[in-house]
Amino acid sequence: MNSYIFDVLTRIYLPVPMRNLLRKTTVEIDDDLIARVRVLLGTSSIKETIDEALREVERQEARRREVRALIEMDGLDLRDERVMSKTWRY
C-alpha cells in the first residue's frame, strides 16, 4: 500500500511506501501539554494526539514549501511573457 506526498517543487505526487511498522516506546510527556494539544487537535487519546501532531508537522512543512515556491515563483509560468500575455486581466 502506498501513500503519496505532494512535492511542491516538481508539482507532482510522489509515492511513499507505507509499511505498517508501529513502534512501541516509552517517553516522558508533559501531561498538561498533551491535554492542551488534545483540545486543539480534537483528539481523544495520547496516541491519537501524537500521531495527529506529527501529521500536522508534515502538513506545515508542505505549506511552507508551497509558500516558498510561490514567493520564488519556482515552477510557475508567471515570468513567461508568452503565457502572461494570454491571461485575462481586470
Protein backbone atom coordinates (compact mmCIF):
# COMPACT_ATOMS: atom_id res chain seq x y z
CA MET A 1 0.00 0.00 0.00
CA ASN A 2 1.35 3.43 -0.92
CA SER A 3 0.67 6.86 0.38
CA TYR A 4 1.52 9.98 -1.59
CA ILE A 5 3.20 13.25 -0.72
CA PHE A 6 2.90 16.33 -2.91
CA ASP A 7 6.28 17.71 -3.96
CA VAL A 8 5.69 21.42 -4.49
CA LEU A 9 8.96 21.90 -6.33
CA THR A 10 8.11 19.40 -9.06
CA ARG A 11 4.34 19.77 -8.56
CA ILE A 12 3.78 16.02 -8.64
CA TYR A 13 2.68 13.45 -6.10
CA LEU A 14 5.42 11.07 -5.09
CA PRO A 15 4.65 7.60 -3.77
CA VAL A 16 5.75 6.90 -0.24
CA PRO A 17 5.76 3.21 0.67
CA MET A 18 3.58 2.58 3.68
CA ARG A 19 4.66 -0.15 5.98
CA ASN A 20 2.61 -1.00 8.97
CA LEU A 21 5.55 -0.60 11.29
CA LEU A 22 4.46 0.52 14.68
CA ARG A 23 6.99 1.17 17.34
CA LYS A 24 6.22 0.85 20.98
CA THR A 25 8.34 3.13 23.11
CA THR A 26 8.40 4.80 26.47
CA VAL A 27 8.85 8.55 26.68
CA GLU A 28 8.23 11.20 29.27
CA ILE A 29 5.49 13.55 28.10
CA ASP A 30 4.21 16.72 29.73
CA ASP A 31 0.62 15.84 30.71
CA ASP A 32 -0.52 19.46 30.59
CA LEU A 33 0.95 19.92 27.12
CA ILE A 34 -0.73 16.74 25.86
CA ALA A 35 -4.04 17.89 27.33
CA ARG A 36 -3.79 21.31 25.65
CA VAL A 37 -2.79 19.83 22.30
CA ARG A 38 -5.54 17.20 22.56
CA VAL A 39 -8.10 20.01 22.82
CA LEU A 40 -6.54 21.92 19.92
CA LEU A 41 -6.47 18.87 17.67
CA GLY A 42 -9.77 17.40 18.84
CA THR A 43 -8.20 14.03 19.59
CA SER A 44 -9.23 11.60 22.28
CA SER A 45 -6.10 9.67 23.24
CA ILE A 46 -2.39 10.28 23.75
CA LYS A 47 -1.51 8.08 20.77
CA GLU A 48 -4.02 9.83 18.52
CA THR A 49 -2.76 13.23 19.73
CA ILE A 50 0.87 12.41 19.00
CA ASP A 51 0.04 10.88 15.59
CA GLU A 52 -2.05 13.90 14.59
CA ALA A 53 0.59 16.34 15.86
CA LEU A 54 3.22 14.58 13.71
CA ARG A 55 0.90 14.72 10.69
CA GLU A 56 0.37 18.44 11.33
CA VAL A 57 4.14 18.97 11.26
CA GLU A 58 4.21 17.28 7.84
CA ARG A 59 1.34 19.44 6.59
CA GLN A 60 3.01 22.58 7.93
CA GLU A 61 6.22 21.75 6.09
CA ALA A 62 4.27 21.16 2.86
CA ARG A 63 2.60 24.57 3.29
CA ARG A 64 5.97 26.21 3.97
CA ARG A 65 7.39 24.68 0.77
CA GLU A 66 4.36 25.79 -1.23
CA VAL A 67 4.66 29.37 0.04
CA ARG A 68 8.38 29.37 -0.76
CA ALA A 69 7.66 28.11 -4.28
CA LEU A 70 5.04 30.85 -4.76
CA ILE A 71 7.35 33.57 -3.43
CA GLU A 72 10.18 32.42 -5.69
CA MET A 73 7.69 31.67 -8.49
CA ASP A 74 9.51 28.36 -8.79
CA GLY A 75 7.93 26.13 -11.41
CA LEU A 76 5.36 28.77 -12.34
CA ASP A 77 4.86 30.34 -15.74
CA LEU A 78 4.25 33.80 -14.31
CA ARG A 79 7.58 35.07 -15.60
CA ASP A 80 6.95 33.72 -19.10
CA GLU A 81 5.75 36.67 -21.18
CA ARG A 82 4.12 34.37 -23.75
CA VAL A 83 1.97 32.80 -21.06
CA MET A 84 1.16 36.03 -19.28
CA SER A 85 0.22 37.86 -22.50
CA LYS A 86 -2.70 35.43 -22.91
CA THR A 87 -4.08 35.84 -19.40
CA TRP A 88 -7.26 37.67 -18.65
CA ARG A 89 -6.76 40.77 -16.54
CA TYR A 90 -9.10 43.29 -14.95
